[in-house]
């Protein structure tokens, strides 16, 4: 069963990445989902997003999501918050990167939520 609230979806995604379970993390995205890069480039579709998630997991990155605002209708939700990525760089030095994220979630026919559009570094030009 899918997460029943936008907040639960954020928690489920962070938990899946923490468990290094790319399949579970990717299942939380709609088929034609998109990730908006800081330069405005769009990564589109679950296969491409799966590659991005594999890179996160493969590099040992940890994800923390702090939901700040949820603006929802019965079918979609706009969620703002803070995304924190942490881990070690190629040289073994620890890093922490924080950004203000904007995410659009869509409700499934079964009432659960999935990620539709993710701007983890905020919207370009914003």
PDB file of N, CA and C in Angstrom:
ATOM      1  N   UNK A   1       0.838  -1.188   0.000  1.00  0.00           N
ATOM      2  CA  UNK A   1       0.000   0.000   0.000  1.00  0.00           C
ATOM      3  C   UNK A   1       0.884   1.252   0.000  1.00  0.00           C
ATOM      4  N   UNK A   2       0.485   2.227  -0.749  1.00  0.00           N
ATOM      5  CA  UNK A   2       1.231   3.484  -0.857  1.00  0.00           C
ATOM      6  C   UNK A   2       1.057   4.330   0.406  1.00  0.00           C
ATOM      7  N   UNK A   3       1.989   5.242   0.626  1.00  0.00           N
ATOM      8  CA  UNK A   3       1.839   6.180   1.750  1.00  0.00           C
ATOM      9  C   UNK A   3       0.514   6.930   1.633  1.00  0.00           C
ATOM     10  N   UNK A   4      -0.136   7.162   2.771  1.00  0.00           N
ATOM     11  CA  UNK A   4      -1.463   7.766   2.775  1.00  0.00           C
ATOM     12  C   UNK A   4      -1.448   9.269   3.019  1.00  0.00           C
ATOM     13  N   UNK A   5      -0.263   9.861   3.102  1.00  0.00           N
ATOM     14  CA  UNK A   5      -0.162  11.312   3.232  1.00  0.00           C
ATOM     15  C   UNK A   5       1.147  11.760   2.589  1.00  0.00           C
ATOM     16  N   UNK A   6       1.235  13.020   2.176  1.00  0.00           N
ATOM     17  CA  UNK A   6       2.504  13.521   1.645  1.00  0.00           C
ATOM     18  C   UNK A   6       3.652  13.382   2.653  1.00  0.00           C
ATOM     19  N   UNK A   7       3.379  13.614   3.917  1.00  0.00           N
ATOM     20  CA  UNK A   7       4.424  13.479   4.940  1.00  0.00           C
ATOM     21  C   UNK A   7       4.920  12.035   5.027  1.00  0.00           C
ATOM     22  N   UNK A   8       3.986  11.087   4.960  1.00  0.00           N
ATOM     23  CA  UNK A   8       4.357   9.669   4.997  1.00  0.00           C
ATOM     24  C   UNK A   8       5.163   9.280   3.769  1.00  0.00           C
ATOM     25  N   UNK A   9       4.867   9.886   2.626  1.00  0.00           N
ATOM     26  CA  UNK A   9       5.631   9.622   1.408  1.00  0.00           C
ATOM     27  C   UNK A   9       7.067  10.091   1.571  1.00  0.00           C
ATOM     28  N   UNK A  10       7.266  11.288   2.106  1.00  0.00           N
ATOM     29  CA  UNK A  10       8.625  11.792   2.331  1.00  0.00           C
ATOM     30  C   UNK A  10       9.392  10.856   3.262  1.00  0.00           C
ATOM     31  N   UNK A  11       8.746  10.394   4.322  1.00  0.00           N
ATOM     32  CA  UNK A  11       9.377   9.468   5.265  1.00  0.00           C
ATOM     33  C   UNK A  11       9.718   8.139   4.595  1.00  0.00           C
ATOM     34  N   UNK A  12       8.809   7.626   3.788  1.00  0.00           N
ATOM     35  CA  UNK A  12       9.025   6.344   3.112  1.00  0.00           C
ATOM     36  C   UNK A  12      10.183   6.436   2.126  1.00  0.00           C
ATOM     37  N   UNK A  13      10.283   7.556   1.423  1.00  0.00           N
ATOM     38  CA  UNK A  13      11.375   7.719   0.464  1.00  0.00           C
ATOM     39  C   UNK A  13      12.720   7.759   1.186  1.00  0.00           C
ATOM     40  N   UNK A  14      12.822   8.572   2.240  1.00  0.00           N
ATOM     41  CA  UNK A  14      14.078   8.660   2.994  1.00  0.00           C
ATOM     42  C   UNK A  14      14.443   7.296   3.587  1.00  0.00           C
ATOM     43  N   UNK A  15      13.455   6.566   4.087  1.00  0.00           N
ATOM     44  CA  UNK A  15      13.705   5.245   4.667  1.00  0.00           C
ATOM     45  C   UNK A  15      14.194   4.258   3.612  1.00  0.00           C
ATOM     46  N   UNK A  16      13.601   4.293   2.421  1.00  0.00           N
ATOM     47  CA  UNK A  16      14.017   3.384   1.347  1.00  0.00           C
ATOM     48  C   UNK A  16      15.459   3.663   0.926  1.00  0.00           C
ATOM     49  N   UNK A  17      15.821   4.944   0.800  1.00  0.00           N
ATOM     50  CA  UNK A  17      17.202   5.272   0.449  1.00  0.00           C
ATOM     51  C   UNK A  17      18.131   4.854   1.586  1.00  0.00           C
ATOM     52  N   UNK A  18      17.731   5.089   2.825  1.00  0.00           N
ATOM     53  CA  UNK A  18      18.539   4.682   3.968  1.00  0.00           C
ATOM     54  C   UNK A  18      18.753   3.179   4.025  1.00  0.00           C
ATOM     55  N   UNK A  19      17.757   2.410   3.584  1.00  0.00           N
ATOM     56  CA  UNK A  19      17.854   0.953   3.544  1.00  0.00           C
ATOM     57  C   UNK A  19      18.563   0.479   2.276  1.00  0.00           C
ATOM     58  N   UNK A  20      18.946   1.414   1.414  1.00  0.00           N
ATOM     59  CA  UNK A  20      19.612   1.118   0.136  1.00  0.00           C
ATOM     60  C   UNK A  20      18.723   0.275  -0.772  1.00  0.00           C
ATOM     61  N   UNK A  21      17.411   0.520  -0.696  1.00  0.00           N
ATOM     62  CA  UNK A  21      16.419  -0.222  -1.464  1.00  0.00           C
ATOM     63  C   UNK A  21      15.906   0.668  -2.600  1.00  0.00           C
ATOM     64  N   UNK A  22      16.635   0.661  -3.705  1.00  0.00           N
ATOM     65  CA  UNK A  22      16.280   1.508  -4.847  1.00  0.00           C
ATOM     66  C   UNK A  22      14.916   1.136  -5.398  1.00  0.00           C
ATOM     67  N   UNK A  23      14.600  -0.143  -5.429  1.00  0.00           N
ATOM     68  CA  UNK A  23      13.312  -0.582  -5.956  1.00  0.00           C
ATOM     69  C   UNK A  23      12.158   0.013  -5.154  1.00  0.00           C
ATOM     70  N   UNK A  24      12.262  -0.028  -3.831  1.00  0.00           N
ATOM     71  CA  UNK A  24      11.204   0.544  -2.977  1.00  0.00           C
ATOM     72  C   UNK A  24      11.126   2.054  -3.155  1.00  0.00           C
ATOM     73  N   UNK A  25      12.280   2.706  -3.273  1.00  0.00           N
ATOM     74  CA  UNK A  25      12.295   4.166  -3.477  1.00  0.00           C
ATOM     75  C   UNK A  25      11.673   4.517  -4.822  1.00  0.00           C
ATOM     76  N   UNK A  26      12.022   3.786  -5.865  1.00  0.00           N
ATOM     77  CA  UNK A  26      11.515   4.073  -7.211  1.00  0.00           C
ATOM     78  C   UNK A  26      10.024   3.799  -7.318  1.00  0.00           C
ATOM     79  N   UNK A  27       9.520   2.851  -6.563  1.00  0.00           N
ATOM     80  CA  UNK A  27       8.086   2.541  -6.580  1.00  0.00           C
ATOM     81  C   UNK A  27       7.243   3.704  -6.060  1.00  0.00           C
ATOM     82  N   UNK A  28       7.879   4.663  -5.393  1.00  0.00           N
ATOM     83  CA  UNK A  28       7.170   5.830  -4.864  1.00  0.00           C
ATOM     84  C   UNK A  28       7.014   6.944  -5.902  1.00  0.00           C
ATOM     85  N   UNK A  29       7.422   6.714  -7.138  1.00  0.00           N
ATOM     86  CA  UNK A  29       7.358   7.705  -8.220  1.00  0.00           C
ATOM     87  C   UNK A  29       6.362   7.251  -9.273  1.00  0.00           C
ATOM     88  N   UNK A  30       5.645   8.205  -9.892  1.00  0.00           N
ATOM     89  CA  UNK A  30       4.765   7.852 -11.008  1.00  0.00           C
ATOM     90  C   UNK A  30       5.634   7.526 -12.228  1.00  0.00           C
ATOM     91  N   UNK A  31       5.058   6.852 -13.206  1.00  0.00           N
ATOM     92  CA  UNK A  31       5.814   6.394 -14.389  1.00  0.00           C
ATOM     93  C   UNK A  31       6.520   7.516 -15.134  1.00  0.00           C
ATOM     94  N   UNK A  32       5.848   8.648 -15.340  1.00  0.00           N
ATOM     95  CA  UNK A  32       6.446   9.728 -16.130  1.00  0.00           C
ATOM     96  C   UNK A  32       6.922  10.886 -15.250  1.00  0.00           C
ATOM     97  N   UNK A  33       7.356  10.560 -14.046  1.00  0.00           N
ATOM     98  CA  UNK A  33       7.831  11.571 -13.093  1.00  0.00           C
ATOM     99  C   UNK A  33       9.029  12.335 -13.647  1.00  0.00           C
ATOM    100  N   UNK A  34       9.331  13.459 -12.993  1.00  0.00           N
ATOM    101  CA  UNK A  34      10.451  14.300 -13.432  1.00  0.00           C
ATOM    102  C   UNK A  34      11.207  14.841 -12.228  1.00  0.00           C
ATOM    103  N   UNK A  35      12.529  14.944 -12.396  1.00  0.00           N
ATOM    104  CA  UNK A  35      13.390  15.630 -11.431  1.00  0.00           C
ATOM    105  C   UNK A  35      13.954  16.854 -12.140  1.00  0.00           C
ATOM    106  N   UNK A  36      13.791  18.017 -11.519  1.00  0.00           N
ATOM    107  CA  UNK A  36      14.311  19.262 -12.092  1.00  0.00           C
ATOM    108  C   UNK A  36      15.667  19.544 -11.465  1.00  0.00           C
ATOM    109  N   UNK A  37      16.694  19.574 -12.309  1.00  0.00           N
ATOM    110  CA  UNK A  37      18.065  19.846 -11.868  1.00  0.00           C
ATOM    111  C   UNK A  37      18.236  21.343 -11.583  1.00  0.00           C
ATOM    112  N   UNK A  38      19.278  21.729 -10.841  1.00  0.00           N
ATOM    113  CA  UNK A  38      19.490  23.152 -10.533  1.00  0.00           C
ATOM    114  C   UNK A  38      19.615  24.036 -11.779  1.00  0.00           C
ATOM    115  N   UNK A  39      20.142  23.461 -12.888  1.00  0.00           N
ATOM    116  CA  UNK A  39      20.311  24.243 -14.120  1.00  0.00           C
ATOM    117  C   UNK A  39      19.062  24.251 -14.998  1.00  0.00           C
ATOM    118  N   UNK A  40      17.985  23.607 -14.532  1.00  0.00           N
ATOM    119  CA  UNK A  40      16.741  23.561 -15.297  1.00  0.00           C
ATOM    120  C   UNK A  40      16.594  22.313 -16.143  1.00  0.00           C
ATOM    121  N   UNK A  41      17.656  21.528 -16.303  1.00  0.00           N
ATOM    122  CA  UNK A  41      17.563  20.267 -17.038  1.00  0.00           C
ATOM    123  C   UNK A  41      16.594  19.347 -16.308  1.00  0.00           C
ATOM    124  N   UNK A  42      15.799  18.599 -17.053  1.00  0.00           N
ATOM    125  CA  UNK A  42      14.803  17.707 -16.466  1.00  0.00           C
ATOM    126  C   UNK A  42      15.176  16.252 -16.736  1.00  0.00           C
ATOM    127  N   UNK A  43      15.249  15.464 -15.685  1.00  0.00           N
ATOM    128  CA  UNK A  43      15.409  14.020 -15.782  1.00  0.00           C
ATOM    129  C   UNK A  43      13.998  13.456 -15.757  1.00  0.00           C
ATOM    130  N   UNK A  44      13.624  12.731 -16.816  1.00  0.00           N
ATOM    131  CA  UNK A  44      12.225  12.352 -16.974  1.00  0.00           C
ATOM    132  C   UNK A  44      12.055  10.837 -17.074  1.00  0.00           C
ATOM    133  N   UNK A  45      11.071  10.311 -16.357  1.00  0.00           N
ATOM    134  CA  UNK A  45      10.707   8.897 -16.433  1.00  0.00           C
ATOM    135  C   UNK A  45      11.387   8.052 -15.371  1.00  0.00           C
ATOM    136  N   UNK A  46      10.711   6.987 -14.975  1.00  0.00           N
ATOM    137  CA  UNK A  46      11.232   6.130 -13.911  1.00  0.00           C
ATOM    138  C   UNK A  46      12.570   5.481 -14.244  1.00  0.00           C
ATOM    139  N   UNK A  47      12.842   5.055 -15.495  1.00  0.00           N
ATOM    140  CA  UNK A  47      14.163   4.469 -15.748  1.00  0.00           C
ATOM    141  C   UNK A  47      15.309   5.465 -15.470  1.00  0.00           C
ATOM    142  N   UNK A  48      15.149   6.700 -15.904  1.00  0.00           N
ATOM    143  CA  UNK A  48      16.193   7.710 -15.660  1.00  0.00           C
ATOM    144  C   UNK A  48      16.277   8.066 -14.181  1.00  0.00           C
ATOM    145  N   UNK A  49      15.138   8.163 -13.529  1.00  0.00           N
ATOM    146  CA  UNK A  49      15.127   8.462 -12.099  1.00  0.00           C
ATOM    147  C   UNK A  49      15.750   7.308 -11.325  1.00  0.00           C
ATOM    148  N   UNK A  50      15.494   6.089 -11.768  1.00  0.00           N
ATOM    149  CA  UNK A  50      16.123   4.933 -11.137  1.00  0.00           C
ATOM    150  C   UNK A  50      17.637   5.027 -11.182  1.00  0.00           C
ATOM    151  N   UNK A  51      18.175   5.506 -12.291  1.00  0.00           N
ATOM    152  CA  UNK A  51      19.623   5.695 -12.395  1.00  0.00           C
ATOM    153  C   UNK A  51      20.133   6.714 -11.392  1.00  0.00           C
ATOM    154  N   UNK A  52      19.379   7.794 -11.212  1.00  0.00           N
ATOM    155  CA  UNK A  52      19.772   8.823 -10.242  1.00  0.00           C
ATOM    156  C   UNK A  52      19.720   8.260  -8.821  1.00  0.00           C
ATOM    157  N   UNK A  53      18.709   7.460  -8.520  1.00  0.00           N
ATOM    158  CA  UNK A  53      18.598   6.864  -7.192  1.00  0.00           C
ATOM    159  C   UNK A  53      19.699   5.834  -6.961  1.00  0.00           C
ATOM    160  N   UNK A  54      20.031   5.072  -7.993  1.00  0.00           N
ATOM    161  CA  UNK A  54      21.151   4.118  -7.900  1.00  0.00           C
ATOM    162  C   UNK A  54      22.445   4.850  -7.559  1.00  0.00           C
ATOM    163  N   UNK A  55      22.650   6.019  -8.170  1.00  0.00           N
ATOM    164  CA  UNK A  55      23.858   6.806  -7.893  1.00  0.00           C
ATOM    165  C   UNK A  55      23.882   7.259  -6.434  1.00  0.00           C
ATOM    166  N   UNK A  56      22.743   7.717  -5.919  1.00  0.00           N
ATOM    167  CA  UNK A  56      22.676   8.104  -4.502  1.00  0.00           C
ATOM    168  C   UNK A  56      23.064   6.940  -3.599  1.00  0.00           C
ATOM    169  N   UNK A  57      22.423   5.816  -3.818  1.00  0.00           N
ATOM    170  CA  UNK A  57      22.658   4.635  -2.991  1.00  0.00           C
ATOM    171  C   UNK A  57      24.089   4.131  -3.171  1.00  0.00           C
ATOM    172  N   UNK A  58      24.542   4.078  -4.414  1.00  0.00           N
ATOM    173  CA  UNK A  58      25.889   3.594  -4.704  1.00  0.00           C
ATOM    174  C   UNK A  58      26.982   4.437  -4.076  1.00  0.00           C
ATOM    175  N   UNK A  59      26.710   5.711  -3.895  1.00  0.00           N
ATOM    176  CA  UNK A  59      27.682   6.612  -3.273  1.00  0.00           C
ATOM    177  C   UNK A  59      27.485   6.729  -1.766  1.00  0.00           C
ATOM    178  N   UNK A  60      26.585   5.923  -1.214  1.00  0.00           N
ATOM    179  CA  UNK A  60      26.389   5.904   0.228  1.00  0.00           C
ATOM    180  C   UNK A  60      25.764   7.163   0.801  1.00  0.00           C
ATOM    181  N   UNK A  61      25.016   7.882  -0.026  1.00  0.00           N
ATOM    182  CA  UNK A  61      24.393   9.126   0.427  1.00  0.00           C
ATOM    183  C   UNK A  61      23.192   8.821   1.313  1.00  0.00           C
ATOM    184  N   UNK A  62      23.075   9.553   2.397  1.00  0.00           N
ATOM    185  CA  UNK A  62      21.914   9.482   3.272  1.00  0.00           C
ATOM    186  C   UNK A  62      21.002  10.659   2.968  1.00  0.00           C
ATOM    187  N   UNK A  63      19.705  10.451   3.090  1.00  0.00           N
ATOM    188  CA  UNK A  63      18.708  11.460   2.771  1.00  0.00           C
ATOM    189  C   UNK A  63      17.867  11.734   4.009  1.00  0.00           C
ATOM    190  N   UNK A  64      17.687  13.017   4.292  1.00  0.00           N
ATOM    191  CA  UNK A  64      16.770  13.436   5.348  1.00  0.00           C
ATOM    192  C   UNK A  64      15.845  14.483   4.748  1.00  0.00           C
ATOM    193  N   UNK A  65      14.558  14.349   4.974  1.00  0.00           N
ATOM    194  CA  UNK A  65      13.572  15.280   4.431  1.00  0.00           C
ATOM    195  C   UNK A  65      12.774  15.865   5.578  1.00  0.00           C
ATOM    196  N   UNK A  66      12.787  17.188   5.662  1.00  0.00           N
ATOM    197  CA  UNK A  66      11.981  17.879   6.662  1.00  0.00           C
ATOM    198  C   UNK A  66      10.880  18.626   5.919  1.00  0.00           C
ATOM    199  N   UNK A  67       9.649  18.155   6.051  1.00  0.00           N
ATOM    200  CA  UNK A  67       8.510  18.784   5.381  1.00  0.00           C
ATOM    201  C   UNK A  67       8.152  20.065   6.126  1.00  0.00           C
ATOM    202  N   UNK A  68       8.101  21.178   5.379  1.00  0.00           N
ATOM    203  CA  UNK A  68       7.766  22.468   5.985  1.00  0.00           C
ATOM    204  C   UNK A  68       6.323  22.870   5.686  1.00  0.00           C
ATOM    205  N   UNK A  69       5.866  22.583   4.470  1.00  0.00           N
ATOM    206  CA  UNK A  69       4.519  22.981   4.079  1.00  0.00           C
ATOM    207  C   UNK A  69       3.895  21.983   3.135  1.00  0.00           C
ATOM    208  N   UNK A  70       2.616  21.725   3.312  1.00  0.00           N
ATOM    209  CA  UNK A  70       1.856  20.844   2.429  1.00  0.00           C
ATOM    210  C   UNK A  70       0.621  21.612   1.986  1.00  0.00           C
ATOM    211  N   UNK A  71       0.461  21.740   0.683  1.00  0.00           N
ATOM    212  CA  UNK A  71      -0.681  22.435   0.094  1.00  0.00           C
ATOM    213  C   UNK A  71      -1.351  21.432  -0.825  1.00  0.00           C
ATOM    214  N   UNK A  72      -2.473  20.854  -0.374  1.00  0.00           N
ATOM    215  CA  UNK A  72      -3.042  19.701  -1.063  1.00  0.00           C
ATOM    216  C   UNK A  72      -4.486  19.893  -1.473  1.00  0.00           C
ATOM    217  N   UNK A  73      -4.828  19.229  -2.573  1.00  0.00           N
ATOM    218  CA  UNK A  73      -6.210  19.018  -2.973  1.00  0.00           C
ATOM    219  C   UNK A  73      -6.463  17.519  -2.808  1.00  0.00           C
ATOM    220  N   UNK A  74      -7.564  17.040  -3.292  1.00  0.00           N
ATOM    221  CA  UNK A  74      -7.813  15.606  -3.180  1.00  0.00           C
ATOM    222  C   UNK A  74      -6.916  14.785  -4.111  1.00  0.00           C
ATOM    223  N   UNK A  75      -6.353  15.406  -5.147  1.00  0.00           N
ATOM    224  CA  UNK A  75      -5.584  14.656  -6.141  1.00  0.00           C
ATOM    225  C   UNK A  75      -4.098  14.984  -6.203  1.00  0.00           C
ATOM    226  N   UNK A  76      -3.710  16.194  -5.819  1.00  0.00           N
ATOM    227  CA  UNK A  76      -2.303  16.597  -5.897  1.00  0.00           C
ATOM    228  C   UNK A  76      -1.909  17.363  -4.639  1.00  0.00           C
ATOM    229  N   UNK A  77      -0.592  17.368  -4.395  1.00  0.00           N
ATOM    230  CA  UNK A  77      -0.080  18.133  -3.256  1.00  0.00           C
ATOM    231  C   UNK A  77       1.232  18.789  -3.663  1.00  0.00           C
ATOM    232  N   UNK A  78       1.401  20.029  -3.254  1.00  0.00           N
ATOM    233  CA  UNK A  78       2.662  20.741  -3.421  1.00  0.00           C
ATOM    234  C   UNK A  78       3.304  20.753  -2.040  1.00  0.00           C
ATOM    235  N   UNK A  79       4.516  20.215  -1.957  1.00  0.00           N
ATOM    236  CA  UNK A  79       5.191  20.068  -0.673  1.00  0.00           C
ATOM    237  C   UNK A  79       6.515  20.817  -0.716  1.00  0.00           C
ATOM    238  N   UNK A  80       6.748  21.632   0.288  1.00  0.00           N
ATOM    239  CA  UNK A  80       8.016  22.337   0.411  1.00  0.00           C
ATOM    240  C   UNK A  80       8.737  21.826   1.657  1.00  0.00           C
ATOM    241  N   UNK A  81      10.042  21.967   1.641  1.00  0.00           N
ATOM    242  CA  UNK A  81      10.789  21.510   2.799  1.00  0.00           C
ATOM    243  C   UNK A  81      12.277  21.625   2.598  1.00  0.00           C
ATOM    244  N   UNK A  82      13.005  21.008   3.505  1.00  0.00           N
ATOM    245  CA  UNK A  82      14.455  21.002   3.451  1.00  0.00           C
ATOM    246  C   UNK A  82      14.935  19.586   3.178  1.00  0.00           C
ATOM    247  N   UNK A  83      15.769  19.456   2.168  1.00  0.00           N
ATOM    248  CA  UNK A  83      16.391  18.187   1.824  1.00  0.00           C
ATOM    249  C   UNK A  83      17.833  18.249   2.299  1.00  0.00           C
ATOM    250  N   UNK A  84      18.260  17.256   3.057  1.00  0.00           N
ATOM    251  CA  UNK A  84      19.646  17.169   3.498  1.00  0.00           C
ATOM    252  C   UNK A  84      20.243  15.875   2.968  1.00  0.00           C
ATOM    253  N   UNK A  85      21.321  16.011   2.198  1.00  0.00           N
ATOM    254  CA  UNK A  85      22.075  14.866   1.709  1.00  0.00           C
ATOM    255  C   UNK A  85      23.385  14.839   2.484  1.00  0.00           C
ATOM    256  N   UNK A  86      23.787  13.671   2.949  1.00  0.00           N
ATOM    257  CA  UNK A  86      25.051  13.569   3.672  1.00  0.00           C
ATOM    258  C   UNK A  86      25.728  12.260   3.332  1.00  0.00           C
ATOM    259  N   UNK A  87      27.024  12.248   3.530  1.00  0.00           N
ATOM    260  CA  UNK A  87      27.814  11.055   3.238  1.00  0.00           C
ATOM    261  C   UNK A  87      29.277  11.416   3.213  1.00  0.00           C
ATOM    262  N   UNK A  88      30.030  10.714   2.381  1.00  0.00           N
ATOM    263  CA  UNK A  88      31.453  10.991   2.214  1.00  0.00           C
ATOM    264  C   UNK A  88      31.732  11.176   0.727  1.00  0.00           C
ATOM    265  N   UNK A  89      32.615  12.131   0.405  1.00  0.00           N
ATOM    266  CA  UNK A  89      32.964  12.350  -0.996  1.00  0.00           C
ATOM    267  C   UNK A  89      33.964  11.285  -1.451  1.00  0.00           C
ATOM    268  N   UNK A  90      34.404  11.371  -2.703  1.00  0.00           N
ATOM    269  CA  UNK A  90      35.319  10.375  -3.264  1.00  0.00           C
ATOM    270  C   UNK A  90      36.614  10.265  -2.467  1.00  0.00           C
ATOM    271  N   UNK A  91      37.011  11.339  -1.823  1.00  0.00           N
ATOM    272  CA  UNK A  91      38.221  11.326  -1.002  1.00  0.00           C
ATOM    273  C   UNK A  91      37.983  10.867   0.422  1.00  0.00           C
ATOM    274  N   UNK A  92      36.750  10.483   0.741  1.00  0.00           N
ATOM    275  CA  UNK A  92      36.440  10.017   2.077  1.00  0.00           C
ATOM    276  C   UNK A  92      36.104  11.124   3.071  1.00  0.00           C
ATOM    277  N   UNK A  93      36.066  12.362   2.590  1.00  0.00           N
ATOM    278  CA  UNK A  93      35.742  13.488   3.472  1.00  0.00           C
ATOM    279  C   UNK A  93      34.228  13.598   3.616  1.00  0.00           C
ATOM    280  N   UNK A  94      33.749  13.759   4.856  1.00  0.00           N
ATOM    281  CA  UNK A  94      32.304  13.880   5.056  1.00  0.00           C
ATOM    282  C   UNK A  94      31.754  15.171   4.437  1.00  0.00           C
ATOM    283  N   UNK A  95      30.528  15.092   3.961  1.00  0.00           N
ATOM    284  CA  UNK A  95      29.861  16.277   3.427  1.00  0.00           C
ATOM    285  C   UNK A  95      28.410  16.290   3.869  1.00  0.00           C
ATOM    286  N   UNK A  96      27.852  17.476   3.901  1.00  0.00           N
ATOM    287  CA  UNK A  96      26.426  17.676   4.120  1.00  0.00           C
ATOM    288  C   UNK A  96      25.979  18.774   3.180  1.00  0.00           C
ATOM    289  N   UNK A  97      24.919  18.510   2.432  1.00  0.00           N
ATOM    290  CA  UNK A  97      24.367  19.492   1.498  1.00  0.00           C
ATOM    291  C   UNK A  97      22.892  19.669   1.820  1.00  0.00           C
ATOM    292  N   UNK A  98      22.477  20.925   2.045  1.00  0.00           N
ATOM    293  CA  UNK A  98      21.068  21.221   2.322  1.00  0.00           C
ATOM    294  C   UNK A  98      20.503  22.094   1.210  1.00  0.00           C
ATOM    295  N   UNK A  99      19.251  21.853   0.900  1.00  0.00           N
ATOM    296  CA  UNK A  99      18.572  22.682  -0.096  1.00  0.00           C
ATOM    297  C   UNK A  99      17.091  22.773   0.258  1.00  0.00           C
ATOM    298  N   UNK A 100      16.467  23.798  -0.273  1.00  0.00           N
ATOM    299  CA  UNK A 100      15.023  23.985  -0.099  1.00  0.00           C
ATOM    300  C   UNK A 100      14.332  23.338  -1.292  1.00  0.00           C
ATOM    301  N   UNK A 101      13.599  22.279  -1.029  1.00  0.00           N
ATOM    302  CA  UNK A 101      12.994  21.510  -2.104  1.00  0.00           C
ATOM    303  C   UNK A 101      11.530  21.874  -2.324  1.00  0.00           C
ATOM    304  N   UNK A 102      11.085  21.595  -3.551  1.00  0.00           N
ATOM    305  CA  UNK A 102       9.688  21.754  -3.936  1.00  0.00           C
ATOM    306  C   UNK A 102       9.307  20.460  -4.659  1.00  0.00           C
ATOM    307  N   UNK A 103       8.258  19.798  -4.183  1.00  0.00           N
ATOM    308  CA  UNK A 103       7.871  18.509  -4.759  1.00  0.00           C
ATOM    309  C   UNK A 103       6.357  18.506  -5.002  1.00  0.00           C
ATOM    310  N   UNK A 104       5.969  17.936  -6.132  1.00  0.00           N
ATOM    311  CA  UNK A 104       4.551  17.741  -6.440  1.00  0.00           C
ATOM    312  C   UNK A 104       4.267  16.250  -6.325  1.00  0.00           C
ATOM    313  N   UNK A 105       3.278  15.916  -5.494  1.00  0.00           N
ATOM    314  CA  UNK A 105       2.853  14.532  -5.321  1.00  0.00           C
ATOM    315  C   UNK A 105       1.500  14.365  -6.001  1.00  0.00           C
ATOM    316  N   UNK A 106       1.251  13.146  -6.488  1.00  0.00           N
ATOM    317  CA  UNK A 106      -0.030  12.805  -7.107  1.00  0.00           C
ATOM    318  C   UNK A 106      -0.643  11.634  -6.351  1.00  0.00           C
ATOM    319  N   UNK A 107      -1.953  11.682  -6.193  1.00  0.00           N
ATOM    320  CA  UNK A 107      -2.648  10.587  -5.505  1.00  0.00           C
ATOM    321  C   UNK A 107      -3.040   9.520  -6.526  1.00  0.00           C
ATOM    322  N   UNK A 108      -2.779   8.261  -6.179  1.00  0.00           N
ATOM    323  CA  UNK A 108      -3.163   7.113  -7.006  1.00  0.00           C
ATOM    324  C   UNK A 108      -4.652   6.839  -6.873  1.00  0.00           C
ATOM    325  N   UNK A 109      -5.167   5.990  -7.746  1.00  0.00           N
ATOM    326  CA  UNK A 109      -6.562   5.574  -7.670  1.00  0.00           C
ATOM    327  C   UNK A 109      -6.852   4.833  -6.356  1.00  0.00           C
ATOM    328  N   UNK A 110      -5.810   4.198  -5.780  1.00  0.00           N
ATOM    329  CA  UNK A 110      -6.003   3.475  -4.515  1.00  0.00           C
ATOM    330  C   UNK A 110      -5.900   4.388  -3.298  1.00  0.00           C
ATOM    331  N   UNK A 111      -5.691   5.715  -3.520  1.00  0.00           N
ATOM    332  CA  UNK A 111      -5.637   6.678  -2.425  1.00  0.00           C
ATOM    333  C   UNK A 111      -4.255   6.956  -1.885  1.00  0.00           C
ATOM    334  N   UNK A 112      -3.250   6.227  -2.369  1.00  0.00           N
ATOM    335  CA  UNK A 112      -1.873   6.460  -1.939  1.00  0.00           C
ATOM    336  C   UNK A 112      -1.225   7.580  -2.733  1.00  0.00           C
ATOM    337  N   UNK A 113      -0.070   8.034  -2.258  1.00  0.00           N
ATOM    338  CA  UNK A 113       0.642   9.147  -2.892  1.00  0.00           C
ATOM    339  C   UNK A 113       1.932   8.674  -3.540  1.00  0.00           C
ATOM    340  N   UNK A 114       2.306   9.355  -4.651  1.00  0.00           N
ATOM    341  CA  UNK A 114       3.578   9.130  -5.357  1.00  0.00           C
ATOM    342  C   UNK A 114       4.165  10.482  -5.760  1.00  0.00           C
ATOM    343  N   UNK A 115       5.464  10.484  -5.980  1.00  0.00           N
ATOM    344  CA  UNK A 115       6.155  11.687  -6.454  1.00  0.00           C
ATOM    345  C   UNK A 115       5.878  11.854  -7.945  1.00  0.00           C
ATOM    346  N   UNK A 116       5.478  13.061  -8.351  1.00  0.00           N
ATOM    347  CA  UNK A 116       5.262  13.373  -9.769  1.00  0.00           C
ATOM    348  C   UNK A 116       6.383  14.271 -10.296  1.00  0.00           C
ATOM    349  N   UNK A 117       6.671  15.359  -9.595  1.00  0.00           N
ATOM    350  CA  UNK A 117       7.722  16.301  -9.998  1.00  0.00           C
ATOM    351  C   UNK A 117       8.533  16.653  -8.757  1.00  0.00           C
ATOM    352  N   UNK A 118       9.852  16.521  -8.860  1.00  0.00           N
ATOM    353  CA  UNK A 118      10.721  16.814  -7.732  1.00  0.00           C
ATOM    354  C   UNK A 118      11.749  17.855  -8.160  1.00  0.00           C
ATOM    355  N   UNK A 119      11.783  18.952  -7.418  1.00  0.00           N
ATOM    356  CA  UNK A 119      12.816  19.975  -7.594  1.00  0.00           C
ATOM    357  C   UNK A 119      13.608  20.000  -6.272  1.00  0.00           C
ATOM    358  N   UNK A 120      14.520  19.005  -6.077  1.00  0.00           N
ATOM    359  CA  UNK A 120      15.188  18.859  -4.790  1.00  0.00           C
ATOM    360  C   UNK A 120      16.083  20.032  -4.413  1.00  0.00           C
ATOM    361  N   UNK A 121      16.502  20.804  -5.407  1.00  0.00           N
ATOM    362  CA  UNK A 121      17.348  21.982  -5.136  1.00  0.00           C
ATOM    363  C   UNK A 121      16.549  23.276  -5.295  1.00  0.00           C
ATOM    364  N   UNK A 122      15.244  23.169  -5.266  1.00  0.00           N
ATOM    365  CA  UNK A 122      14.386  24.332  -5.496  1.00  0.00           C
ATOM    366  C   UNK A 122      14.185  24.529  -6.993  1.00  0.00           C
ATOM    367  N   UNK A 123      13.383  25.510  -7.318  1.00  0.00           N
ATOM    368  CA  UNK A 123      13.100  25.784  -8.730  1.00  0.00           C
ATOM    369  C   UNK A 123      14.189  26.654  -9.327  1.00  0.00           C
ATOM    370  N   UNK A 124      14.639  26.348 -10.549  1.00  0.00           N
ATOM    371  CA  UNK A 124      15.667  27.169 -11.183  1.00  0.00           C
ATOM    372  C   UNK A 124      15.208  28.621 -11.303  1.00  0.00           C
ATOM    373  N   UNK A 125      16.084  29.520 -11.008  1.00  0.00           N
ATOM    374  CA  UNK A 125      15.765  30.944 -11.120  1.00  0.00           C
ATOM    375  C   UNK A 125      14.940  31.475  -9.985  1.00  0.00           C
ATOM    376  N   UNK A 126      14.593  30.621  -9.018  1.00  0.00           N
ATOM    377  CA  UNK A 126      13.767  31.059  -7.882  1.00  0.00           C
ATOM    378  C   UNK A 126      14.634  31.622  -6.777  1.00  0.00           C
TER     379      UNK A 126
END
